[in-house]
Amino acid sequence: LQYETIIENILEKYIEEHFHLFDYDYDHDDEQLVQEIQQQIQSHNSNQMEMIEQMVNRKYELE
């Protein structure tokens, strides 16, 4: 029982010391990822709109 408690404390301390540093990087990277995804979605949406406009124009041209 004491062995488990000691190991658990050591692990908790190690995790706090080493992984706390990554919190800030993760937040920054996460924000960058969100921006990249938003740009891709905007680009995708504008491409879809252009395609739809072209299809509608062709439809009316053919009528």
PDB file of N, CA and C in Angstrom:
ATOM      1  N   LEU A   1       0.832  -1.201   0.000  1.00  0.00           N
ATOM      2  CA  LEU A   1       0.000   0.000   0.000  1.00  0.00           C
ATOM      3  C   LEU A   1       0.874   1.261   0.000  1.00  0.00           C
ATOM      4  N   GLN A   2       1.911   1.278   0.799  1.00  0.00           N
ATOM      5  CA  GLN A   2       2.789   2.446   0.837  1.00  0.00           C
ATOM      6  C   GLN A   2       3.515   2.633  -0.490  1.00  0.00           C
ATOM      7  N   TYR A   3       3.873   1.524  -1.102  1.00  0.00           N
ATOM      8  CA  TYR A   3       4.568   1.592  -2.388  1.00  0.00           C
ATOM      9  C   TYR A   3       3.680   2.306  -3.411  1.00  0.00           C
ATOM     10  N   GLU A   4       2.402   1.927  -3.456  1.00  0.00           N
ATOM     11  CA  GLU A   4       1.476   2.552  -4.405  1.00  0.00           C
ATOM     12  C   GLU A   4       1.324   4.042  -4.126  1.00  0.00           C
ATOM     13  N   THR A   5       1.230   4.395  -2.877  1.00  0.00           N
ATOM     14  CA  THR A   5       1.086   5.802  -2.498  1.00  0.00           C
ATOM     15  C   THR A   5       2.312   6.603  -2.906  1.00  0.00           C
ATOM     16  N   ILE A   6       3.478   6.056  -2.669  1.00  0.00           N
ATOM     17  CA  ILE A   6       4.726   6.738  -3.030  1.00  0.00           C
ATOM     18  C   ILE A   6       4.806   6.920  -4.548  1.00  0.00           C
ATOM     19  N   ILE A   7       4.520   5.852  -5.287  1.00  0.00           N
ATOM     20  CA  ILE A   7       4.575   5.916  -6.750  1.00  0.00           C
ATOM     21  C   ILE A   7       3.543   6.919  -7.268  1.00  0.00           C
ATOM     22  N   GLU A   8       2.361   6.886  -6.697  1.00  0.00           N
ATOM     23  CA  GLU A   8       1.314   7.811  -7.130  1.00  0.00           C
ATOM     24  C   GLU A   8       1.752   9.262  -6.912  1.00  0.00           C
ATOM     25  N   ASN A   9       2.334   9.536  -5.765  1.00  0.00           N
ATOM     26  CA  ASN A   9       2.803  10.896  -5.484  1.00  0.00           C
ATOM     27  C   ASN A   9       3.916  11.312  -6.439  1.00  0.00           C
ATOM     28  N   ILE A  10       4.824  10.393  -6.689  1.00  0.00           N
ATOM     29  CA  ILE A  10       5.928  10.688  -7.609  1.00  0.00           C
ATOM     30  C   ILE A  10       5.379  10.980  -9.003  1.00  0.00           C
ATOM     31  N   LEU A  11       4.437  10.177  -9.443  1.00  0.00           N
ATOM     32  CA  LEU A  11       3.853  10.381 -10.772  1.00  0.00           C
ATOM     33  C   LEU A  11       3.102  11.708 -10.858  1.00  0.00           C
ATOM     34  N   GLU A  12       2.331  12.006  -9.845  1.00  0.00           N
ATOM     35  CA  GLU A  12       1.592  13.270  -9.847  1.00  0.00           C
ATOM     36  C   GLU A  12       2.547  14.456  -9.917  1.00  0.00           C
ATOM     37  N   LYS A  13       3.595  14.395  -9.138  1.00  0.00           N
ATOM     38  CA  LYS A  13       4.569  15.487  -9.126  1.00  0.00           C
ATOM     39  C   LYS A  13       5.262  15.606 -10.490  1.00  0.00           C
ATOM     40  N   TYR A  14       5.650  14.474 -11.057  1.00  0.00           N
ATOM     41  CA  TYR A  14       6.302  14.470 -12.365  1.00  0.00           C
ATOM     42  C   TYR A  14       5.382  15.084 -13.422  1.00  0.00           C
ATOM     43  N   ILE A  15       4.143  14.667 -13.401  1.00  0.00           N
ATOM     44  CA  ILE A  15       3.182  15.171 -14.386  1.00  0.00           C
ATOM     45  C   ILE A  15       2.989  16.675 -14.218  1.00  0.00           C
ATOM     46  N   GLU A  16       2.837  17.128 -12.997  1.00  0.00           N
ATOM     47  CA  GLU A  16       2.660  18.564 -12.756  1.00  0.00           C
ATOM     48  C   GLU A  16       3.862  19.360 -13.249  1.00  0.00           C
ATOM     49  N   GLU A  17       5.056  18.857 -12.979  1.00  0.00           N
ATOM     50  CA  GLU A  17       6.266  19.593 -13.346  1.00  0.00           C
ATOM     51  C   GLU A  17       6.508  19.599 -14.850  1.00  0.00           C
ATOM     52  N   HIS A  18       6.266  18.471 -15.494  1.00  0.00           N
ATOM     53  CA  HIS A  18       6.659  18.351 -16.898  1.00  0.00           C
ATOM     54  C   HIS A  18       5.553  18.692 -17.888  1.00  0.00           C
ATOM     55  N   PHE A  19       4.334  18.443 -17.533  1.00  0.00           N
ATOM     56  CA  PHE A  19       3.266  18.658 -18.499  1.00  0.00           C
ATOM     57  C   PHE A  19       2.572  20.000 -18.322  1.00  0.00           C
ATOM     58  N   HIS A  20       2.820  20.650 -17.216  1.00  0.00           N
ATOM     59  CA  HIS A  20       2.245  21.983 -17.039  1.00  0.00           C
ATOM     60  C   HIS A  20       2.792  22.941 -18.097  1.00  0.00           C
ATOM     61  N   LEU A  21       4.030  22.760 -18.475  1.00  0.00           N
ATOM     62  CA  LEU A  21       4.658  23.620 -19.471  1.00  0.00           C
ATOM     63  C   LEU A  21       3.949  23.541 -20.816  1.00  0.00           C
ATOM     64  N   PHE A  22       3.354  22.411 -21.099  1.00  0.00           N
ATOM     65  CA  PHE A  22       2.710  22.231 -22.397  1.00  0.00           C
ATOM     66  C   PHE A  22       1.350  22.905 -22.476  1.00  0.00           C
ATOM     67  N   ASP A  23       0.800  23.295 -21.359  1.00  0.00           N
ATOM     68  CA  ASP A  23      -0.519  23.917 -21.361  1.00  0.00           C
ATOM     69  C   ASP A  23      -0.545  25.151 -22.259  1.00  0.00           C
ATOM     70  N   TYR A  24       0.472  25.991 -22.128  1.00  0.00           N
ATOM     71  CA  TYR A  24       0.486  27.231 -22.890  1.00  0.00           C
ATOM     72  C   TYR A  24       0.666  26.947 -24.375  1.00  0.00           C
ATOM     73  N   ASP A  25       1.567  26.057 -24.690  1.00  0.00           N
ATOM     74  CA  ASP A  25       1.780  25.708 -26.087  1.00  0.00           C
ATOM     75  C   ASP A  25       0.522  25.104 -26.681  1.00  0.00           C
ATOM     76  N   TYR A  26      -0.126  24.295 -25.926  1.00  0.00           N
ATOM     77  CA  TYR A  26      -1.337  23.656 -26.432  1.00  0.00           C
ATOM     78  C   TYR A  26      -2.385  24.710 -26.749  1.00  0.00           C
ATOM     79  N   ASP A  27      -2.541  25.673 -25.841  1.00  0.00           N
ATOM     80  CA  ASP A  27      -3.526  26.721 -26.072  1.00  0.00           C
ATOM     81  C   ASP A  27      -3.199  27.499 -27.345  1.00  0.00           C
ATOM     82  N   HIS A  28      -1.942  27.832 -27.506  1.00  0.00           N
ATOM     83  CA  HIS A  28      -1.534  28.586 -28.694  1.00  0.00           C
ATOM     84  C   HIS A  28      -1.736  27.743 -29.954  1.00  0.00           C
ATOM     85  N   ASP A  29      -1.294  26.499 -29.919  1.00  0.00           N
ATOM     86  CA  ASP A  29      -1.459  25.608 -31.068  1.00  0.00           C
ATOM     87  C   ASP A  29      -2.929  25.380 -31.369  1.00  0.00           C
ATOM     88  N   ASP A  30      -3.710  25.247 -30.323  1.00  0.00           N
ATOM     89  CA  ASP A  30      -5.137  25.021 -30.504  1.00  0.00           C
ATOM     90  C   ASP A  30      -5.777  26.232 -31.183  1.00  0.00           C
ATOM     91  N   GLU A  31      -5.369  27.402 -30.772  1.00  0.00           N
ATOM     92  CA  GLU A  31      -5.903  28.621 -31.383  1.00  0.00           C
ATOM     93  C   GLU A  31      -5.499  28.700 -32.852  1.00  0.00           C
ATOM     94  N   GLN A  32      -4.255  28.342 -33.143  1.00  0.00           N
ATOM     95  CA  GLN A  32      -3.792  28.332 -34.533  1.00  0.00           C
ATOM     96  C   GLN A  32      -4.597  27.336 -35.362  1.00  0.00           C
ATOM     97  N   LEU A  33      -4.839  26.184 -34.788  1.00  0.00           N
ATOM     98  CA  LEU A  33      -5.594  25.158 -35.493  1.00  0.00           C
ATOM     99  C   LEU A  33      -7.007  25.645 -35.798  1.00  0.00           C
ATOM    100  N   VAL A  34      -7.622  26.291 -34.839  1.00  0.00           N
ATOM    101  CA  VAL A  34      -8.969  26.827 -35.048  1.00  0.00           C
ATOM    102  C   VAL A  34      -8.955  27.827 -36.204  1.00  0.00           C
ATOM    103  N   GLN A  35      -7.966  28.692 -36.234  1.00  0.00           N
ATOM    104  CA  GLN A  35      -7.881  29.684 -37.316  1.00  0.00           C
ATOM    105  C   GLN A  35      -7.685  29.011 -38.671  1.00  0.00           C
ATOM    106  N   GLU A  36      -6.841  27.998 -38.714  1.00  0.00           N
ATOM    107  CA  GLU A  36      -6.609  27.286 -39.976  1.00  0.00           C
ATOM    108  C   GLU A  36      -7.883  26.602 -40.454  1.00  0.00           C
ATOM    109  N   ILE A  37      -8.592  25.982 -39.525  1.00  0.00           N
ATOM    110  CA  ILE A  37      -9.837  25.299 -39.890  1.00  0.00           C
ATOM    111  C   ILE A  37     -10.860  26.311 -40.393  1.00  0.00           C
ATOM    112  N   GLN A  38     -10.962  27.451 -39.719  1.00  0.00           N
ATOM    113  CA  GLN A  38     -11.905  28.481 -40.161  1.00  0.00           C
ATOM    114  C   GLN A  38     -11.563  28.970 -41.562  1.00  0.00           C
ATOM    115  N   GLN A  39     -10.281  29.147 -41.844  1.00  0.00           N
ATOM    116  CA  GLN A  39      -9.871  29.583 -43.178  1.00  0.00           C
ATOM    117  C   GLN A  39     -10.238  28.535 -44.224  1.00  0.00           C
ATOM    118  N   GLN A  40     -10.015  27.270 -43.892  1.00  0.00           N
ATOM    119  CA  GLN A  40     -10.351  26.199 -44.831  1.00  0.00           C
ATOM    120  C   GLN A  40     -11.850  26.151 -45.078  1.00  0.00           C
ATOM    121  N   ILE A  41     -12.624  26.325 -44.017  1.00  0.00           N
ATOM    122  CA  ILE A  41     -14.084  26.293 -44.161  1.00  0.00           C
ATOM    123  C   ILE A  41     -14.544  27.463 -45.023  1.00  0.00           C
ATOM    124  N   GLN A  42     -13.999  28.649 -44.776  1.00  0.00           N
ATOM    125  CA  GLN A  42     -14.375  29.814 -45.579  1.00  0.00           C
ATOM    126  C   GLN A  42     -14.025  29.594 -47.039  1.00  0.00           C
ATOM    127  N   SER A  43     -12.841  29.064 -47.266  1.00  0.00           N
ATOM    128  CA  SER A  43     -12.407  28.797 -48.633  1.00  0.00           C
ATOM    129  C   SER A  43     -13.318  27.759 -49.282  1.00  0.00           C
ATOM    130  N   HIS A  44     -13.609  26.717 -48.534  1.00  0.00           N
ATOM    131  CA  HIS A  44     -14.476  25.653 -49.039  1.00  0.00           C
ATOM    132  C   HIS A  44     -15.859  26.212 -49.351  1.00  0.00           C
ATOM    133  N   ASN A  45     -16.399  27.017 -48.444  1.00  0.00           N
ATOM    134  CA  ASN A  45     -17.725  27.599 -48.643  1.00  0.00           C
ATOM    135  C   ASN A  45     -17.749  28.512 -49.862  1.00  0.00           C
ATOM    136  N   SER A  46     -16.717  29.319 -50.026  1.00  0.00           N
ATOM    137  CA  SER A  46     -16.696  30.222 -51.178  1.00  0.00           C
ATOM    138  C   SER A  46     -16.560  29.415 -52.468  1.00  0.00           C
ATOM    139  N   ASN A  47     -15.791  28.341 -52.442  1.00  0.00           N
ATOM    140  CA  ASN A  47     -15.678  27.477 -53.623  1.00  0.00           C
ATOM    141  C   ASN A  47     -17.017  26.831 -53.943  1.00  0.00           C
ATOM    142  N   GLN A  48     -17.726  26.401 -52.911  1.00  0.00           N
ATOM    143  CA  GLN A  48     -19.044  25.802 -53.133  1.00  0.00           C
ATOM    144  C   GLN A  48     -20.009  26.831 -53.716  1.00  0.00           C
ATOM    145  N   MET A  49     -19.968  28.039 -53.187  1.00  0.00           N
ATOM    146  CA  MET A  49     -20.855  29.091 -53.689  1.00  0.00           C
ATOM    147  C   MET A  49     -20.558  29.381 -55.157  1.00  0.00           C
ATOM    148  N   GLU A  50     -19.306  29.446 -55.504  1.00  0.00           N
ATOM    149  CA  GLU A  50     -18.934  29.688 -56.900  1.00  0.00           C
ATOM    150  C   GLU A  50     -19.448  28.562 -57.790  1.00  0.00           C
ATOM    151  N   MET A  51     -19.282  27.341 -57.330  1.00  0.00           N
ATOM    152  CA  MET A  51     -19.737  26.197 -58.104  1.00  0.00           C
ATOM    153  C   MET A  51     -21.262  26.244 -58.283  1.00  0.00           C
ATOM    154  N   ILE A  52     -21.979  26.568 -57.222  1.00  0.00           N
ATOM    155  CA  ILE A  52     -23.442  26.645 -57.295  1.00  0.00           C
ATOM    156  C   ILE A  52     -23.861  27.761 -58.253  1.00  0.00           C
ATOM    157  N   GLU A  53     -23.198  28.905 -58.168  1.00  0.00           N
ATOM    158  CA  GLU A  53     -23.512  30.015 -59.076  1.00  0.00           C
ATOM    159  C   GLU A  53     -23.293  29.603 -60.528  1.00  0.00           C
ATOM    160  N   GLN A  54     -22.193  28.911 -60.783  1.00  0.00           N
ATOM    161  CA  GLN A  54     -21.910  28.459 -62.144  1.00  0.00           C
ATOM    162  C   GLN A  54     -22.973  27.476 -62.622  1.00  0.00           C
ATOM    163  N   MET A  55     -23.383  26.581 -61.752  1.00  0.00           N
ATOM    164  CA  MET A  55     -24.409  25.604 -62.132  1.00  0.00           C
ATOM    165  C   MET A  55     -25.737  26.299 -62.430  1.00  0.00           C
ATOM    166  N   VAL A  56     -26.095  27.265 -61.600  1.00  0.00           N
ATOM    167  CA  VAL A  56     -27.346  27.999 -61.813  1.00  0.00           C
ATOM    168  C   VAL A  56     -27.268  28.790 -63.117  1.00  0.00           C
ATOM    169  N   ASN A  57     -26.137  29.437 -63.351  1.00  0.00           N
ATOM    170  CA  ASN A  57     -25.970  30.192 -64.591  1.00  0.00           C
ATOM    171  C   ASN A  57     -26.080  29.279 -65.806  1.00  0.00           C
ATOM    172  N   ARG A  58     -25.462  28.125 -65.754  1.00  0.00           N
ATOM    173  CA  ARG A  58     -25.535  27.167 -66.867  1.00  0.00           C
ATOM    174  C   ARG A  58     -26.967  26.707 -67.086  1.00  0.00           C
ATOM    175  N   LYS A  59     -27.656  26.465 -65.992  1.00  0.00           N
ATOM    176  CA  LYS A  59     -29.048  26.002 -66.096  1.00  0.00           C
ATOM    177  C   LYS A  59     -29.879  27.045 -66.838  1.00  0.00           C
ATOM    178  N   TYR A  60     -29.704  28.313 -66.451  1.00  0.00           N
ATOM    179  CA  TYR A  60     -30.484  29.366 -67.104  1.00  0.00           C
ATOM    180  C   TYR A  60     -30.029  29.588 -68.539  1.00  0.00           C
ATOM    181  N   GLU A  61     -28.757  29.379 -68.814  1.00  0.00           N
ATOM    182  CA  GLU A  61     -28.267  29.522 -70.183  1.00  0.00           C
ATOM    183  C   GLU A  61     -28.847  28.433 -71.074  1.00  0.00           C
ATOM    184  N   LEU A  62     -29.022  27.250 -70.522  1.00  0.00           N
ATOM    185  CA  LEU A  62     -29.530  26.130 -71.304  1.00  0.00           C
ATOM    186  C   LEU A  62     -31.038  26.229 -71.537  1.00  0.00           C
ATOM    187  N   GLU A  63     -31.729  26.987 -70.731  1.00  0.00           N
ATOM    188  CA  GLU A  63     -33.190  27.071 -70.883  1.00  0.00           C
ATOM    189  C   GLU A  63     -33.606  27.992 -71.986  1.00  0.00           C
TER     190      GLU A  63
END
